[in-house]
Amino acid sequence: MPPSSRSVDDDHAVAQRFAAEHALEHVHSRRDLTHRWESYPFGIGTWRRARNVVRGSLHGRSITAFEYHYVLLSDDTNERDAFRNFLVCVVDLDHAVPPLTAVRKDRLLWHGDRLVGGEIPIAHQAWRDEYSLFGEDDDFAHAVLTHEHAARCAQADIRAEWRFAADDFLLWIESARVSDMLTAALEVLRPLISAAEGFGSRDAQEQ
């Protein structure tokens, strides 16, 4: 059944089956997750909801994933009165790392002035055609988004944005459900997470 045609009850049932298959915990909703972060896709819209929350270990990483929904009652774009939904996954990092955000070029306007740092050039053309990278540490950025990692992301048809924020790694995908893309997206982005943690570990050892 296509995601757009599923009812709320169907969504819950599908998410519960997904959680059971992967030995994850499932809860129907968690209001605190709608206010934990302020940067896009959070901090805008009304009637915010975090539903089908799954938590546990997936692909060897400690994660919390959920379906995030809000309504745009008014704005300055052609998306006024739109119902927006995202698959959000938060990966627990071993330690805090520098801020770094990968933004889809066609969604830049939604980030406003909340992007941390300046734009960092990436040599991989296919990745650069669709995304921009923002951060404060060029060395960290290039250690995380290597040419190989950029190629892997560009080839994956998941259109995910992501952000390193302190000791969290957040990824979000528009119009996706927990059961649809979570495992594929995490598999694609896991090397970036490992590279970020490795960069921080090297810095700590040198100090």
Protein backbone atom coordinates (compact mmCIF):
# COMPACT_ATOMS: atom_id res chain seq x y z
CA MET A 1 0.00 0.00 0.00
CA PRO A 2 1.51 3.39 -0.97
CA PRO A 3 2.42 5.55 2.07
CA SER A 4 0.07 8.36 0.95
CA SER A 5 -2.95 6.02 1.02
CA ARG A 6 -2.33 4.54 4.46
CA SER A 7 -4.44 5.58 7.44
CA VAL A 8 -2.95 6.55 10.81
CA ASP A 9 -3.83 3.11 12.17
CA ASP A 10 -2.18 1.45 9.16
CA ASP A 11 0.94 3.57 9.71
CA HIS A 12 1.12 2.52 13.35
CA ALA A 13 0.72 -1.15 12.44
CA VAL A 14 3.43 -0.97 9.76
CA ALA A 15 5.81 0.86 12.11
CA GLN A 16 5.15 -1.68 14.87
CA ARG A 17 5.99 -4.55 12.52
CA PHE A 18 9.16 -2.76 11.42
CA ALA A 19 10.18 -2.23 15.04
CA ALA A 20 9.54 -5.88 15.89
CA GLU A 21 11.55 -7.09 12.89
CA HIS A 22 14.56 -5.01 13.96
CA ALA A 23 14.20 -5.53 17.74
CA LEU A 24 13.41 -1.84 18.29
CA GLU A 25 11.07 -0.24 20.81
CA HIS A 26 7.99 1.49 19.39
CA VAL A 27 5.74 4.16 20.88
CA HIS A 28 2.90 5.92 19.09
CA SER A 29 4.06 9.48 19.85
CA ARG A 30 6.50 11.60 21.87
CA ARG A 31 5.72 15.29 22.17
CA ASP A 32 9.15 16.18 23.59
CA LEU A 33 10.80 15.33 20.27
CA THR A 34 8.95 18.16 18.51
CA HIS A 35 10.69 20.78 20.70
CA ARG A 36 14.14 19.31 21.25
CA TRP A 37 15.73 21.05 18.23
CA GLU A 38 15.15 24.49 16.72
CA SER A 39 16.85 24.21 13.32
CA TYR A 40 14.98 23.07 10.20
CA PRO A 41 12.94 20.94 9.81
CA PHE A 42 12.05 21.86 13.40
CA GLY A 43 11.02 25.25 14.76
CA ILE A 44 8.51 26.15 12.04
CA GLY A 45 4.88 25.35 11.37
CA THR A 46 2.08 24.44 13.77
CA TRP A 47 0.35 21.28 14.99
CA ARG A 48 3.72 19.57 15.29
CA ARG A 49 3.68 15.84 15.95
CA ALA A 50 6.29 13.10 16.37
CA ARG A 51 4.65 9.76 15.69
CA ASN A 52 5.76 6.16 15.27
CA VAL A 53 8.87 6.61 17.38
CA VAL A 54 11.29 3.68 17.22
CA ARG A 55 14.37 3.43 19.40
CA GLY A 56 17.22 0.98 19.83
CA SER A 57 20.18 -0.35 17.87
CA LEU A 58 20.07 -0.38 14.06
CA HIS A 59 23.06 -1.18 11.85
CA GLY A 60 25.13 -1.12 15.02
CA ARG A 61 24.14 2.45 15.92
CA SER A 62 21.97 3.72 18.78
CA ILE A 63 19.09 5.56 17.09
CA THR A 64 15.78 7.27 17.69
CA ALA A 65 13.66 7.61 14.56
CA PHE A 66 10.20 9.06 14.10
CA GLU A 67 7.74 10.53 11.64
CA TYR A 68 7.61 14.30 12.12
CA HIS A 69 4.56 16.26 10.94
CA TYR A 70 3.55 19.92 10.94
CA VAL A 71 1.25 22.29 9.09
CA LEU A 72 2.23 25.54 7.37
CA LEU A 73 -0.77 27.79 7.95
CA SER A 74 0.96 30.81 6.41
CA ASP A 75 4.32 31.65 4.87
CA ASP A 76 5.89 33.58 2.00
CA THR A 77 6.18 30.66 -0.44
CA ASN A 78 3.80 28.64 -2.58
CA GLU A 79 3.66 25.99 0.14
CA ARG A 80 1.17 27.91 2.31
CA ASP A 81 -1.41 25.67 4.03
CA ALA A 82 0.74 22.64 3.30
CA PHE A 83 0.92 19.53 5.44
CA ARG A 84 4.57 18.56 5.74
CA ASN A 85 5.95 15.23 6.91
CA PHE A 86 9.46 13.90 7.37
CA LEU A 87 11.23 10.78 8.46
CA VAL A 88 13.72 11.92 11.10
CA CYS A 89 16.50 9.76 12.51
CA VAL A 90 18.76 10.82 15.38
CA VAL A 91 21.97 8.85 15.86
CA ASP A 92 23.80 9.04 19.18
CA LEU A 93 27.47 9.92 18.68
CA ASP A 94 30.29 8.81 20.95
CA HIS A 95 31.21 12.45 21.61
CA ALA A 96 30.44 15.97 20.42
CA VAL A 97 31.78 16.98 17.00
CA PRO A 98 31.93 20.30 15.09
CA PRO A 99 28.68 21.50 13.46
CA LEU A 100 28.16 20.44 9.86
CA THR A 101 25.00 20.48 7.73
CA ALA A 102 24.22 19.13 4.26
CA VAL A 103 21.36 21.10 2.69
CA ARG A 104 19.41 20.41 -0.47
CA LYS A 105 19.74 23.45 -2.69
CA ASP A 106 16.00 23.48 -3.39
CA ARG A 107 15.35 23.70 0.38
CA LEU A 108 17.88 26.38 1.30
CA LEU A 109 15.21 29.01 1.90
CA TRP A 110 13.69 26.95 4.72
CA HIS A 111 16.92 27.02 6.72
CA GLY A 112 16.97 30.82 6.84
CA ASP A 113 19.75 32.23 9.01
CA ARG A 114 20.00 29.12 11.23
CA LEU A 115 22.80 27.44 9.30
CA VAL A 116 25.97 27.38 11.40
CA GLY A 117 29.19 28.48 9.72
CA GLY A 118 29.92 29.25 6.09
CA GLU A 119 29.50 27.25 2.91
CA ILE A 120 32.29 24.73 2.36
CA PRO A 121 33.11 23.75 -1.24
CA ILE A 122 32.94 20.06 -2.15
CA ALA A 123 34.70 18.82 -5.28
CA HIS A 124 32.27 16.05 -6.18
CA GLN A 125 30.16 17.56 -8.98
CA ALA A 126 27.09 15.31 -8.75
CA TRP A 127 26.81 15.89 -5.00
CA ARG A 128 27.40 19.64 -5.38
CA ASP A 129 24.68 19.92 -8.03
CA GLU A 130 22.05 18.96 -5.46
CA TYR A 131 23.53 19.92 -2.07
CA SER A 132 25.45 22.61 -0.22
CA LEU A 133 27.57 21.99 2.86
CA PHE A 134 27.80 24.42 5.80
CA GLY A 135 30.13 24.27 8.79
CA GLU A 136 32.86 25.94 10.82
CA ASP A 137 35.74 23.49 10.32
CA ASP A 138 36.89 22.80 6.76
CA ASP A 139 39.18 19.94 7.83
CA PHE A 140 36.33 18.22 9.64
CA ALA A 141 34.00 18.74 6.68
CA HIS A 142 36.39 17.18 4.19
CA ALA A 143 37.22 14.32 6.55
CA VAL A 144 33.51 13.52 6.84
CA LEU A 145 32.37 14.14 3.26
CA THR A 146 35.23 12.56 1.34
CA HIS A 147 34.99 12.11 -2.42
CA GLU A 148 33.98 8.49 -1.85
CA HIS A 149 31.31 9.42 0.69
CA ALA A 150 29.97 12.20 -1.55
CA ALA A 151 29.73 9.77 -4.47
CA ARG A 152 27.86 7.26 -2.31
CA CYS A 153 25.38 9.90 -1.19
CA ALA A 154 24.90 11.27 -4.71
CA GLN A 155 24.15 7.80 -6.10
CA ALA A 156 21.59 7.00 -3.41
CA ASP A 157 18.06 7.99 -4.33
CA ILE A 158 17.01 9.11 -0.84
CA ARG A 159 17.29 12.94 -1.04
CA ALA A 160 18.20 13.19 2.62
CA GLU A 161 19.50 16.25 4.44
CA TRP A 162 21.60 15.80 7.55
CA ARG A 163 23.31 17.65 10.37
CA PHE A 164 25.94 17.03 13.02
CA ALA A 165 24.87 18.92 16.14
CA ALA A 166 27.05 18.36 19.24
CA ASP A 167 26.75 14.63 20.02
CA ASP A 168 23.76 14.05 17.72
CA PHE A 169 23.65 13.20 14.04
CA LEU A 170 20.27 14.05 12.52
CA LEU A 171 19.01 13.04 9.11
CA TRP A 172 15.61 13.89 7.66
CA ILE A 173 13.82 12.85 4.48
CA GLU A 174 10.65 14.47 3.18
CA SER A 175 7.51 12.38 2.67
CA ALA A 176 9.02 9.17 4.04
CA ARG A 177 7.95 6.73 6.75
CA VAL A 178 10.03 4.83 9.29
CA SER A 179 9.45 1.55 7.46
CA ASP A 180 10.19 2.96 3.99
CA MET A 181 13.70 4.39 4.02
CA LEU A 182 15.24 4.27 7.49
CA THR A 183 17.50 1.26 7.01
CA ALA A 184 18.64 2.32 3.52
CA ALA A 185 19.38 5.91 4.56
CA LEU A 186 21.29 4.88 7.66
CA GLU A 187 23.32 2.38 5.67
CA VAL A 188 24.34 5.09 3.17
CA LEU A 189 25.24 7.66 5.84
CA ARG A 190 26.89 5.39 8.39
CA PRO A 191 30.42 5.88 6.92
CA LEU A 192 30.05 9.66 7.41
CA ILE A 193 29.14 9.13 11.05
CA SER A 194 32.15 6.88 11.62
CA ALA A 195 34.44 9.41 9.93
CA ALA A 196 33.10 12.21 12.13
CA GLU A 197 33.70 10.23 15.31
CA GLY A 198 37.15 9.21 14.09
CA PHE A 199 38.12 12.81 13.39
CA GLY A 200 37.16 13.85 16.91
CA SER A 201 39.05 10.94 18.42
CA ARG A 202 42.23 11.90 16.61
CA ASP A 203 41.91 15.47 17.84
CA ALA A 204 41.44 14.27 21.42
CA GLN A 205 44.51 12.06 21.23
CA GLU A 206 46.65 14.95 20.01
CA GLN A 207 45.65 17.26 22.89
